């Protein structure tokens, strides 16, 4: 769980940065999926 929480926070950070890049819908969806994955790990860990 220690490393998983770290991975979760990294995912949340990276997802928000990519989502806010604001260049295209696919990029925004990728960022949203990454932050969703990070939050999911946190929800479990």
ModelCIF file with pLDDT and N, C-alpha, C, O atoms, coordinates in Angstrom:
data_MODEL
#
_entry.id   MODEL 
#
_entity.id                         1 
_entity.type                       polymer 
_entity.pdbx_number_of_molecules   1 
#
_entity_poly.entity_id                      1 
_entity_poly.type                           'polypeptide(L)' 
_entity_poly.nstd_linkage                   no 
_entity_poly.nstd_monomer                   no 
_entity_poly.pdbx_seq_one_letter_code       
;(UNK)(UNK)(UNK)(UNK)(UNK)(UNK)(UNK)(UNK)(UNK)(UNK)(UNK)(UNK)(UNK)(UNK)(UNK)(UNK)
(UNK)(UNK)(UNK)(UNK)(UNK)(UNK)(UNK)(UNK)(UNK)(UNK)(UNK)(UNK)(UNK)(UNK)(UNK)(UNK)
(UNK)(UNK)(UNK)(UNK)(UNK)(UNK)(UNK)(UNK)(UNK)(UNK)(UNK)(UNK)(UNK)
;
_entity_poly.pdbx_seq_one_letter_code_can   XXXXXXXXXXXXXXXXXXXXXXXXXXXXXXXXXXXXXXXXXXXXX 
_entity_poly.pdbx_strand_id                 A 
#
loop_
_entity_poly_seq.entity_id 
_entity_poly_seq.num 
_entity_poly_seq.mon_id 
_entity_poly_seq.hetero 
1 1  UNK n 
1 2  UNK n 
1 3  UNK n 
1 4  UNK n 
1 5  UNK n 
1 6  UNK n 
1 7  UNK n 
1 8  UNK n 
1 9  UNK n 
1 10 UNK n 
1 11 UNK n 
1 12 UNK n 
1 13 UNK n 
1 14 UNK n 
1 15 UNK n 
1 16 UNK n 
1 17 UNK n 
1 18 UNK n 
1 19 UNK n 
1 20 UNK n 
1 21 UNK n 
1 22 UNK n 
1 23 UNK n 
1 24 UNK n 
1 25 UNK n 
1 26 UNK n 
1 27 UNK n 
1 28 UNK n 
1 29 UNK n 
1 30 UNK n 
1 31 UNK n 
1 32 UNK n 
1 33 UNK n 
1 34 UNK n 
1 35 UNK n 
1 36 UNK n 
1 37 UNK n 
1 38 UNK n 
1 39 UNK n 
1 40 UNK n 
1 41 UNK n 
1 42 UNK n 
1 43 UNK n 
1 44 UNK n 
1 45 UNK n 
#
_struct_asym.id          A 
_struct_asym.entity_id   1 
#
loop_
_ma_qa_metric.id 
_ma_qa_metric.mode 
_ma_qa_metric.name 
_ma_qa_metric.software_group_id 
_ma_qa_metric.type 
1 global pLDDT . pLDDT 
2 local  pLDDT . pLDDT 
#
_ma_qa_metric_global.metric_id      1 
_ma_qa_metric_global.metric_value   92.93 
_ma_qa_metric_global.model_id       1 
_ma_qa_metric_global.ordinal_id     1 
#
loop_
_ma_qa_metric_local.label_asym_id 
_ma_qa_metric_local.label_comp_id 
_ma_qa_metric_local.label_seq_id 
_ma_qa_metric_local.metric_id 
_ma_qa_metric_local.metric_value 
_ma_qa_metric_local.model_id 
_ma_qa_metric_local.ordinal_id 
A UNK 1  2 91.00 1 1  
A UNK 2  2 92.00 1 2  
A UNK 3  2 93.00 1 3  
A UNK 4  2 95.00 1 4  
A UNK 5  2 96.00 1 5  
A UNK 6  2 96.00 1 6  
A UNK 7  2 96.00 1 7  
A UNK 8  2 97.00 1 8  
A UNK 9  2 97.00 1 9  
A UNK 10 2 97.00 1 10 
A UNK 11 2 97.00 1 11 
A UNK 12 2 97.00 1 12 
A UNK 13 2 97.00 1 13 
A UNK 14 2 96.00 1 14 
A UNK 15 2 96.00 1 15 
A UNK 16 2 95.00 1 16 
A UNK 17 2 95.00 1 17 
A UNK 18 2 94.00 1 18 
A UNK 19 2 92.00 1 19 
A UNK 20 2 90.00 1 20 
A UNK 21 2 86.00 1 21 
A UNK 22 2 70.00 1 22 
A UNK 23 2 76.00 1 23 
A UNK 24 2 85.00 1 24 
A UNK 25 2 88.00 1 25 
A UNK 26 2 90.00 1 26 
A UNK 27 2 92.00 1 27 
A UNK 28 2 91.00 1 28 
A UNK 29 2 92.00 1 29 
A UNK 30 2 94.00 1 30 
A UNK 31 2 94.00 1 31 
A UNK 32 2 93.00 1 32 
A UNK 33 2 95.00 1 33 
A UNK 34 2 96.00 1 34 
A UNK 35 2 95.00 1 35 
A UNK 36 2 95.00 1 36 
A UNK 37 2 96.00 1 37 
A UNK 38 2 97.00 1 38 
A UNK 39 2 96.00 1 39 
A UNK 40 2 95.00 1 40 
A UNK 41 2 96.00 1 41 
A UNK 42 2 95.00 1 42 
A UNK 43 2 92.00 1 43 
A UNK 44 2 91.00 1 44 
A UNK 45 2 93.00 1 45 
#
loop_
_atom_site.group_PDB 
_atom_site.id 
_atom_site.type_symbol 
_atom_site.label_atom_id 
_atom_site.label_alt_id 
_atom_site.label_comp_id 
_atom_site.label_asym_id 
_atom_site.label_entity_id 
_atom_site.label_seq_id 
_atom_site.pdbx_PDB_ins_code 
_atom_site.Cartn_x 
_atom_site.Cartn_y 
_atom_site.Cartn_z 
_atom_site.occupancy 
_atom_site.B_iso_or_equiv 
_atom_site.pdbx_formal_charge 
_atom_site.auth_seq_id 
_atom_site.auth_comp_id 
_atom_site.auth_asym_id 
_atom_site.auth_atom_id 
_atom_site.pdbx_PDB_model_num 
ATOM 1   N N  . UNK A 1 1  ? 0.796   -1.221 0.000   1.00 91.00 ? 1  UNK A N  1 
ATOM 2   C CA . UNK A 1 1  ? 0.000   0.000  0.000   1.00 91.00 ? 1  UNK A CA 1 
ATOM 3   C C  . UNK A 1 1  ? 0.828   1.270  0.000   1.00 91.00 ? 1  UNK A C  1 
ATOM 4   O O  . UNK A 1 1  ? 0.387   2.293  -0.523  1.00 91.00 ? 1  UNK A O  1 
ATOM 5   N N  . UNK A 1 2  ? 2.048   1.223  0.590   1.00 92.00 ? 2  UNK A N  1 
ATOM 6   C CA . UNK A 1 2  ? 2.874   2.431  0.613   1.00 92.00 ? 2  UNK A CA 1 
ATOM 7   C C  . UNK A 1 2  ? 3.215   2.879  -0.801  1.00 92.00 ? 2  UNK A C  1 
ATOM 8   O O  . UNK A 1 2  ? 3.011   4.040  -1.155  1.00 92.00 ? 2  UNK A O  1 
ATOM 9   N N  . UNK A 1 3  ? 3.734   1.959  -1.609  1.00 93.00 ? 3  UNK A N  1 
ATOM 10  C CA . UNK A 1 3  ? 4.092   2.304  -2.986  1.00 93.00 ? 3  UNK A CA 1 
ATOM 11  C C  . UNK A 1 3  ? 2.846   2.577  -3.824  1.00 93.00 ? 3  UNK A C  1 
ATOM 12  O O  . UNK A 1 3  ? 2.867   3.428  -4.713  1.00 93.00 ? 3  UNK A O  1 
ATOM 13  N N  . UNK A 1 4  ? 1.768   1.861  -3.543  1.00 95.00 ? 4  UNK A N  1 
ATOM 14  C CA . UNK A 1 4  ? 0.540   2.075  -4.306  1.00 95.00 ? 4  UNK A CA 1 
ATOM 15  C C  . UNK A 1 4  ? -0.002  3.488  -4.105  1.00 95.00 ? 4  UNK A C  1 
ATOM 16  O O  . UNK A 1 4  ? -0.465  4.119  -5.055  1.00 95.00 ? 4  UNK A O  1 
ATOM 17  N N  . UNK A 1 5  ? 0.056   3.983  -2.872  1.00 96.00 ? 5  UNK A N  1 
ATOM 18  C CA . UNK A 1 5  ? -0.396  5.355  -2.623  1.00 96.00 ? 5  UNK A CA 1 
ATOM 19  C C  . UNK A 1 5  ? 0.476   6.348  -3.384  1.00 96.00 ? 5  UNK A C  1 
ATOM 20  O O  . UNK A 1 5  ? -0.037  7.315  -3.947  1.00 96.00 ? 5  UNK A O  1 
ATOM 21  N N  . UNK A 1 6  ? 1.775   6.121  -3.407  1.00 96.00 ? 6  UNK A N  1 
ATOM 22  C CA . UNK A 1 6  ? 2.658   6.995  -4.180  1.00 96.00 ? 6  UNK A CA 1 
ATOM 23  C C  . UNK A 1 6  ? 2.292   6.961  -5.665  1.00 96.00 ? 6  UNK A C  1 
ATOM 24  O O  . UNK A 1 6  ? 2.253   7.999  -6.325  1.00 96.00 ? 6  UNK A O  1 
ATOM 25  N N  . UNK A 1 7  ? 2.024   5.758  -6.184  1.00 96.00 ? 7  UNK A N  1 
ATOM 26  C CA . UNK A 1 7  ? 1.626   5.636  -7.587  1.00 96.00 ? 7  UNK A CA 1 
ATOM 27  C C  . UNK A 1 7  ? 0.310   6.366  -7.848  1.00 96.00 ? 7  UNK A C  1 
ATOM 28  O O  . UNK A 1 7  ? 0.133   6.982  -8.899  1.00 96.00 ? 7  UNK A O  1 
ATOM 29  N N  . UNK A 1 8  ? -0.605  6.294  -6.891  1.00 97.00 ? 8  UNK A N  1 
ATOM 30  C CA . UNK A 1 8  ? -1.887  6.975  -7.038  1.00 97.00 ? 8  UNK A CA 1 
ATOM 31  C C  . UNK A 1 8  ? -1.702  8.477  -7.163  1.00 97.00 ? 8  UNK A C  1 
ATOM 32  O O  . UNK A 1 8  ? -2.301  9.114  -8.029  1.00 97.00 ? 8  UNK A O  1 
ATOM 33  N N  . UNK A 1 9  ? -0.876  9.037  -6.299  1.00 97.00 ? 9  UNK A N  1 
ATOM 34  C CA . UNK A 1 9  ? -0.672  10.485 -6.310  1.00 97.00 ? 9  UNK A CA 1 
ATOM 35  C C  . UNK A 1 9  ? 0.037   10.920 -7.587  1.00 97.00 ? 9  UNK A C  1 
ATOM 36  O O  . UNK A 1 9  ? -0.276  11.972 -8.145  1.00 97.00 ? 9  UNK A O  1 
ATOM 37  N N  . UNK A 1 10 ? 0.994   10.114 -8.052  1.00 97.00 ? 10 UNK A N  1 
ATOM 38  C CA . UNK A 1 10 ? 1.657   10.425 -9.317  1.00 97.00 ? 10 UNK A CA 1 
ATOM 39  C C  . UNK A 1 10 ? 0.654   10.413 -10.465 1.00 97.00 ? 10 UNK A C  1 
ATOM 40  O O  . UNK A 1 10 ? 0.691   11.287 -11.331 1.00 97.00 ? 10 UNK A O  1 
ATOM 41  N N  . UNK A 1 11 ? -0.238  9.430  -10.476 1.00 97.00 ? 11 UNK A N  1 
ATOM 42  C CA . UNK A 1 11 ? -1.255  9.356  -11.516 1.00 97.00 ? 11 UNK A CA 1 
ATOM 43  C C  . UNK A 1 11 ? -2.193  10.551 -11.500 1.00 97.00 ? 11 UNK A C  1 
ATOM 44  O O  . UNK A 1 11 ? -2.547  11.090 -12.549 1.00 97.00 ? 11 UNK A O  1 
ATOM 45  N N  . UNK A 1 12 ? -2.593  10.960 -10.304 1.00 97.00 ? 12 UNK A N  1 
ATOM 46  C CA . UNK A 1 12 ? -3.466  12.135 -10.181 1.00 97.00 ? 12 UNK A CA 1 
ATOM 47  C C  . UNK A 1 12 ? -2.764  13.384 -10.703 1.00 97.00 ? 12 UNK A C  1 
ATOM 48  O O  . UNK A 1 12 ? -3.364  14.186 -11.418 1.00 97.00 ? 12 UNK A O  1 
ATOM 49  N N  . UNK A 1 13 ? -1.496  13.545 -10.343 1.00 97.00 ? 13 UNK A N  1 
ATOM 50  C CA . UNK A 1 13 ? -0.731  14.704 -10.816 1.00 97.00 ? 13 UNK A CA 1 
ATOM 51  C C  . UNK A 1 13 ? -0.596  14.697 -12.337 1.00 97.00 ? 13 UNK A C  1 
ATOM 52  O O  . UNK A 1 13 ? -0.909  15.682 -13.005 1.00 97.00 ? 13 UNK A O  1 
ATOM 53  N N  . UNK A 1 14 ? -0.126  13.571 -12.873 1.00 96.00 ? 14 UNK A N  1 
ATOM 54  C CA . UNK A 1 14 ? 0.117   13.502 -14.313 1.00 96.00 ? 14 UNK A CA 1 
ATOM 55  C C  . UNK A 1 14 ? -1.183  13.670 -15.100 1.00 96.00 ? 14 UNK A C  1 
ATOM 56  O O  . UNK A 1 14 ? -1.208  14.355 -16.122 1.00 96.00 ? 14 UNK A O  1 
ATOM 57  N N  . UNK A 1 15 ? -2.247  13.051 -14.627 1.00 96.00 ? 15 UNK A N  1 
ATOM 58  C CA . UNK A 1 15 ? -3.523  13.145 -15.336 1.00 96.00 ? 15 UNK A CA 1 
ATOM 59  C C  . UNK A 1 15 ? -4.043  14.567 -15.408 1.00 96.00 ? 15 UNK A C  1 
ATOM 60  O O  . UNK A 1 15 ? -4.548  14.995 -16.446 1.00 96.00 ? 15 UNK A O  1 
ATOM 61  N N  . UNK A 1 16 ? -3.923  15.299 -14.313 1.00 95.00 ? 16 UNK A N  1 
ATOM 62  C CA . UNK A 1 16 ? -4.408  16.679 -14.314 1.00 95.00 ? 16 UNK A CA 1 
ATOM 63  C C  . UNK A 1 16 ? -3.580  17.559 -15.253 1.00 95.00 ? 16 UNK A C  1 
ATOM 64  O O  . UNK A 1 16 ? -4.124  18.423 -15.942 1.00 95.00 ? 16 UNK A O  1 
ATOM 65  N N  . UNK A 1 17 ? -2.283  17.339 -15.275 1.00 95.00 ? 17 UNK A N  1 
ATOM 66  C CA . UNK A 1 17 ? -1.423  18.138 -16.157 1.00 95.00 ? 17 UNK A CA 1 
ATOM 67  C C  . UNK A 1 17 ? -1.748  17.856 -17.622 1.00 95.00 ? 17 UNK A C  1 
ATOM 68  O O  . UNK A 1 17 ? -1.868  18.782 -18.424 1.00 95.00 ? 17 UNK A O  1 
ATOM 69  N N  . UNK A 1 18 ? -1.889  16.581 -17.968 1.00 94.00 ? 18 UNK A N  1 
ATOM 70  C CA . UNK A 1 18 ? -2.183  16.223 -19.361 1.00 94.00 ? 18 UNK A CA 1 
ATOM 71  C C  . UNK A 1 18 ? -3.579  16.704 -19.755 1.00 94.00 ? 18 UNK A C  1 
ATOM 72  O O  . UNK A 1 18 ? -3.767  17.234 -20.850 1.00 94.00 ? 18 UNK A O  1 
ATOM 73  N N  . UNK A 1 19 ? -4.557  16.520 -18.868 1.00 92.00 ? 19 UNK A N  1 
ATOM 74  C CA . UNK A 1 19 ? -5.928  16.943 -19.184 1.00 92.00 ? 19 UNK A CA 1 
ATOM 75  C C  . UNK A 1 19 ? -6.011  18.435 -19.462 1.00 92.00 ? 19 UNK A C  1 
ATOM 76  O O  . UNK A 1 19 ? -6.776  18.863 -20.326 1.00 92.00 ? 19 UNK A O  1 
ATOM 77  N N  . UNK A 1 20 ? -5.243  19.217 -18.752 1.00 90.00 ? 20 UNK A N  1 
ATOM 78  C CA . UNK A 1 20 ? -5.323  20.668 -18.882 1.00 90.00 ? 20 UNK A CA 1 
ATOM 79  C C  . UNK A 1 20 ? -4.462  21.219 -20.006 1.00 90.00 ? 20 UNK A C  1 
ATOM 80  O O  . UNK A 1 20 ? -4.422  22.432 -20.214 1.00 90.00 ? 20 UNK A O  1 
ATOM 81  N N  . UNK A 1 21 ? -3.762  20.334 -20.747 1.00 86.00 ? 21 UNK A N  1 
ATOM 82  C CA . UNK A 1 21 ? -2.923  20.817 -21.841 1.00 86.00 ? 21 UNK A CA 1 
ATOM 83  C C  . UNK A 1 21 ? -3.756  21.551 -22.887 1.00 86.00 ? 21 UNK A C  1 
ATOM 84  O O  . UNK A 1 21 ? -3.288  22.506 -23.508 1.00 86.00 ? 21 UNK A O  1 
ATOM 85  N N  . UNK A 1 22 ? -5.012  21.092 -23.080 1.00 70.00 ? 22 UNK A N  1 
ATOM 86  C CA . UNK A 1 22 ? -5.966  21.858 -23.881 1.00 70.00 ? 22 UNK A CA 1 
ATOM 87  C C  . UNK A 1 22 ? -5.710  21.887 -25.360 1.00 70.00 ? 22 UNK A C  1 
ATOM 88  O O  . UNK A 1 22 ? -6.024  22.889 -26.004 1.00 70.00 ? 22 UNK A O  1 
ATOM 89  N N  . UNK A 1 23 ? -5.146  20.822 -25.947 1.00 76.00 ? 23 UNK A N  1 
ATOM 90  C CA . UNK A 1 23 ? -4.878  20.823 -27.376 1.00 76.00 ? 23 UNK A CA 1 
ATOM 91  C C  . UNK A 1 23 ? -5.873  19.999 -28.187 1.00 76.00 ? 23 UNK A C  1 
ATOM 92  O O  . UNK A 1 23 ? -6.138  20.315 -29.347 1.00 76.00 ? 23 UNK A O  1 
ATOM 93  N N  . UNK A 1 24 ? -6.426  18.948 -27.587 1.00 85.00 ? 24 UNK A N  1 
ATOM 94  C CA . UNK A 1 24 ? -7.357  18.099 -28.344 1.00 85.00 ? 24 UNK A CA 1 
ATOM 95  C C  . UNK A 1 24 ? -8.177  17.257 -27.390 1.00 85.00 ? 24 UNK A C  1 
ATOM 96  O O  . UNK A 1 24 ? -7.807  17.069 -26.231 1.00 85.00 ? 24 UNK A O  1 
ATOM 97  N N  . UNK A 1 25 ? -9.310  16.746 -27.893 1.00 88.00 ? 25 UNK A N  1 
ATOM 98  C CA . UNK A 1 25 ? -10.136 15.844 -27.096 1.00 88.00 ? 25 UNK A CA 1 
ATOM 99  C C  . UNK A 1 25 ? -9.399  14.557 -26.737 1.00 88.00 ? 25 UNK A C  1 
ATOM 100 O O  . UNK A 1 25 ? -9.450  14.148 -25.577 1.00 88.00 ? 25 UNK A O  1 
ATOM 101 N N  . UNK A 1 26 ? -8.703  13.886 -27.693 1.00 90.00 ? 26 UNK A N  1 
ATOM 102 C CA . UNK A 1 26 ? -7.995  12.650 -27.311 1.00 90.00 ? 26 UNK A CA 1 
ATOM 103 C C  . UNK A 1 26 ? -7.010  12.857 -26.159 1.00 90.00 ? 26 UNK A C  1 
ATOM 104 O O  . UNK A 1 26 ? -6.924  12.028 -25.254 1.00 90.00 ? 26 UNK A O  1 
ATOM 105 N N  . UNK A 1 27 ? -6.266  13.970 -26.198 1.00 92.00 ? 27 UNK A N  1 
ATOM 106 C CA . UNK A 1 27 ? -5.317  14.226 -25.117 1.00 92.00 ? 27 UNK A CA 1 
ATOM 107 C C  . UNK A 1 27 ? -6.034  14.460 -23.798 1.00 92.00 ? 27 UNK A C  1 
ATOM 108 O O  . UNK A 1 27 ? -5.591  13.995 -22.748 1.00 92.00 ? 27 UNK A O  1 
ATOM 109 N N  . UNK A 1 28 ? -7.145  15.186 -23.859 1.00 91.00 ? 28 UNK A N  1 
ATOM 110 C CA . UNK A 1 28 ? -7.923  15.420 -22.643 1.00 91.00 ? 28 UNK A CA 1 
ATOM 111 C C  . UNK A 1 28 ? -8.469  14.108 -22.090 1.00 91.00 ? 28 UNK A C  1 
ATOM 112 O O  . UNK A 1 28 ? -8.500  13.915 -20.875 1.00 91.00 ? 28 UNK A O  1 
ATOM 113 N N  . UNK A 1 29 ? -8.897  13.210 -22.966 1.00 92.00 ? 29 UNK A N  1 
ATOM 114 C CA . UNK A 1 29 ? -9.410  11.911 -22.520 1.00 92.00 ? 29 UNK A CA 1 
ATOM 115 C C  . UNK A 1 29 ? -8.299  11.065 -21.909 1.00 92.00 ? 29 UNK A C  1 
ATOM 116 O O  . UNK A 1 29 ? -8.510  10.383 -20.906 1.00 92.00 ? 29 UNK A O  1 
ATOM 117 N N  . UNK A 1 30 ? -7.111  11.115 -22.519 1.00 94.00 ? 30 UNK A N  1 
ATOM 118 C CA . UNK A 1 30 ? -5.978  10.367 -21.958 1.00 94.00 ? 30 UNK A CA 1 
ATOM 119 C C  . UNK A 1 30 ? -5.658  10.877 -20.561 1.00 94.00 ? 30 UNK A C  1 
ATOM 120 O O  . UNK A 1 30 ? -5.480  10.086 -19.635 1.00 94.00 ? 30 UNK A O  1 
ATOM 121 N N  . UNK A 1 31 ? -5.583  12.198 -20.404 1.00 94.00 ? 31 UNK A N  1 
ATOM 122 C CA . UNK A 1 31 ? -5.306  12.757 -19.086 1.00 94.00 ? 31 UNK A CA 1 
ATOM 123 C C  . UNK A 1 31 ? -6.377  12.390 -18.077 1.00 94.00 ? 31 UNK A C  1 
ATOM 124 O O  . UNK A 1 31 ? -6.074  12.073 -16.926 1.00 94.00 ? 31 UNK A O  1 
ATOM 125 N N  . UNK A 1 32 ? -7.633  12.434 -18.511 1.00 93.00 ? 32 UNK A N  1 
ATOM 126 C CA . UNK A 1 32 ? -8.737  12.087 -17.617 1.00 93.00 ? 32 UNK A CA 1 
ATOM 127 C C  . UNK A 1 32 ? -8.658  10.628 -17.195 1.00 93.00 ? 32 UNK A C  1 
ATOM 128 O O  . UNK A 1 32 ? -8.914  10.298 -16.037 1.00 93.00 ? 32 UNK A O  1 
ATOM 129 N N  . UNK A 1 33 ? -8.300  9.748  -18.139 1.00 95.00 ? 33 UNK A N  1 
ATOM 130 C CA . UNK A 1 33 ? -8.176  8.326  -17.815 1.00 95.00 ? 33 UNK A CA 1 
ATOM 131 C C  . UNK A 1 33 ? -7.014  8.080  -16.854 1.00 95.00 ? 33 UNK A C  1 
ATOM 132 O O  . UNK A 1 33 ? -7.117  7.247  -15.954 1.00 95.00 ? 33 UNK A O  1 
ATOM 133 N N  . UNK A 1 34 ? -5.912  8.800  -17.043 1.00 96.00 ? 34 UNK A N  1 
ATOM 134 C CA . UNK A 1 34 ? -4.746  8.632  -16.151 1.00 96.00 ? 34 UNK A CA 1 
ATOM 135 C C  . UNK A 1 34 ? -5.094  9.069  -14.740 1.00 96.00 ? 34 UNK A C  1 
ATOM 136 O O  . UNK A 1 34 ? -4.774  8.371  -13.778 1.00 96.00 ? 34 UNK A O  1 
ATOM 137 N N  . UNK A 1 35 ? -5.754  10.231 -14.606 1.00 95.00 ? 35 UNK A N  1 
ATOM 138 C CA . UNK A 1 35 ? -6.105  10.668 -13.248 1.00 95.00 ? 35 UNK A CA 1 
ATOM 139 C C  . UNK A 1 35 ? -7.167  9.743  -12.650 1.00 95.00 ? 35 UNK A C  1 
ATOM 140 O O  . UNK A 1 35 ? -7.180  9.515  -11.440 1.00 95.00 ? 35 UNK A O  1 
ATOM 141 N N  . UNK A 1 36 ? -8.067  9.203  -13.502 1.00 95.00 ? 36 UNK A N  1 
ATOM 142 C CA . UNK A 1 36 ? -9.043  8.233  -13.009 1.00 95.00 ? 36 UNK A CA 1 
ATOM 143 C C  . UNK A 1 36 ? -8.376  6.981  -12.493 1.00 95.00 ? 36 UNK A C  1 
ATOM 144 O O  . UNK A 1 36 ? -8.787  6.420  -11.477 1.00 95.00 ? 36 UNK A O  1 
ATOM 145 N N  . UNK A 1 37 ? -7.334  6.538  -13.202 1.00 96.00 ? 37 UNK A N  1 
ATOM 146 C CA . UNK A 1 37 ? -6.589  5.358  -12.741 1.00 96.00 ? 37 UNK A CA 1 
ATOM 147 C C  . UNK A 1 37 ? -5.875  5.650  -11.430 1.00 96.00 ? 37 UNK A C  1 
ATOM 148 O O  . UNK A 1 37 ? -5.845  4.807  -10.533 1.00 96.00 ? 37 UNK A O  1 
ATOM 149 N N  . UNK A 1 38 ? -5.300  6.846  -11.319 1.00 97.00 ? 38 UNK A N  1 
ATOM 150 C CA . UNK A 1 38 ? -4.627  7.205  -10.074 1.00 97.00 ? 38 UNK A CA 1 
ATOM 151 C C  . UNK A 1 38 ? -5.580  7.239  -8.898  1.00 97.00 ? 38 UNK A C  1 
ATOM 152 O O  . UNK A 1 38 ? -5.265  6.727  -7.823  1.00 97.00 ? 38 UNK A O  1 
ATOM 153 N N  . UNK A 1 39 ? -6.747  7.843  -9.096  1.00 96.00 ? 39 UNK A N  1 
ATOM 154 C CA . UNK A 1 39 ? -7.735  7.901  -8.016  1.00 96.00 ? 39 UNK A CA 1 
ATOM 155 C C  . UNK A 1 39 ? -8.212  6.499  -7.655  1.00 96.00 ? 39 UNK A C  1 
ATOM 156 O O  . UNK A 1 39 ? -8.437  6.202  -6.482  1.00 96.00 ? 39 UNK A O  1 
ATOM 157 N N  . UNK A 1 40 ? -8.368  5.633  -8.663  1.00 95.00 ? 40 UNK A N  1 
ATOM 158 C CA . UNK A 1 40 ? -8.804  4.258  -8.391  1.00 95.00 ? 40 UNK A CA 1 
ATOM 159 C C  . UNK A 1 40 ? -7.811  3.545  -7.486  1.00 95.00 ? 40 UNK A C  1 
ATOM 160 O O  . UNK A 1 40 ? -8.207  2.868  -6.537  1.00 95.00 ? 40 UNK A O  1 
ATOM 161 N N  . UNK A 1 41 ? -6.526  3.694  -7.774  1.00 96.00 ? 41 UNK A N  1 
ATOM 162 C CA . UNK A 1 41 ? -5.507  3.071  -6.919  1.00 96.00 ? 41 UNK A CA 1 
ATOM 163 C C  . UNK A 1 41 ? -5.610  3.619  -5.497  1.00 96.00 ? 41 UNK A C  1 
ATOM 164 O O  . UNK A 1 41 ? -5.525  2.865  -4.527  1.00 96.00 ? 41 UNK A O  1 
ATOM 165 N N  . UNK A 1 42 ? -5.794  4.938  -5.381  1.00 95.00 ? 42 UNK A N  1 
ATOM 166 C CA . UNK A 1 42 ? -5.947  5.530  -4.057  1.00 95.00 ? 42 UNK A CA 1 
ATOM 167 C C  . UNK A 1 42 ? -7.184  5.035  -3.336  1.00 95.00 ? 42 UNK A C  1 
ATOM 168 O O  . UNK A 1 42 ? -7.154  4.801  -2.127  1.00 95.00 ? 42 UNK A O  1 
ATOM 169 N N  . UNK A 1 43 ? -8.283  4.873  -4.080  1.00 92.00 ? 43 UNK A N  1 
ATOM 170 C CA . UNK A 1 43 ? -9.519  4.363  -3.480  1.00 92.00 ? 43 UNK A CA 1 
ATOM 171 C C  . UNK A 1 43 ? -9.315  3.001  -2.827  1.00 92.00 ? 43 UNK A C  1 
ATOM 172 O O  . UNK A 1 43 ? -9.923  2.702  -1.799  1.00 92.00 ? 43 UNK A O  1 
ATOM 173 N N  . UNK A 1 44 ? -8.466  2.184  -3.423  1.00 91.00 ? 44 UNK A N  1 
ATOM 174 C CA . UNK A 1 44 ? -8.206  0.846  -2.888  1.00 91.00 ? 44 UNK A CA 1 
ATOM 175 C C  . UNK A 1 44 ? -7.138  0.883  -1.804  1.00 91.00 ? 44 UNK A C  1 
ATOM 176 O O  . UNK A 1 44 ? -7.281  0.234  -0.768  1.00 91.00 ? 44 UNK A O  1 
ATOM 177 N N  . UNK A 1 45 ? -6.066  1.640  -2.034  1.00 93.00 ? 45 UNK A N  1 
ATOM 178 C CA . UNK A 1 45 ? -4.912  1.587  -1.136  1.00 93.00 ? 45 UNK A CA 1 
ATOM 179 C C  . UNK A 1 45 ? -5.167  2.267  0.197   1.00 93.00 ? 45 UNK A C  1 
ATOM 180 O O  . UNK A 1 45 ? -4.283  2.300  1.052   1.00 93.00 ? 45 UNK A O  1 
#
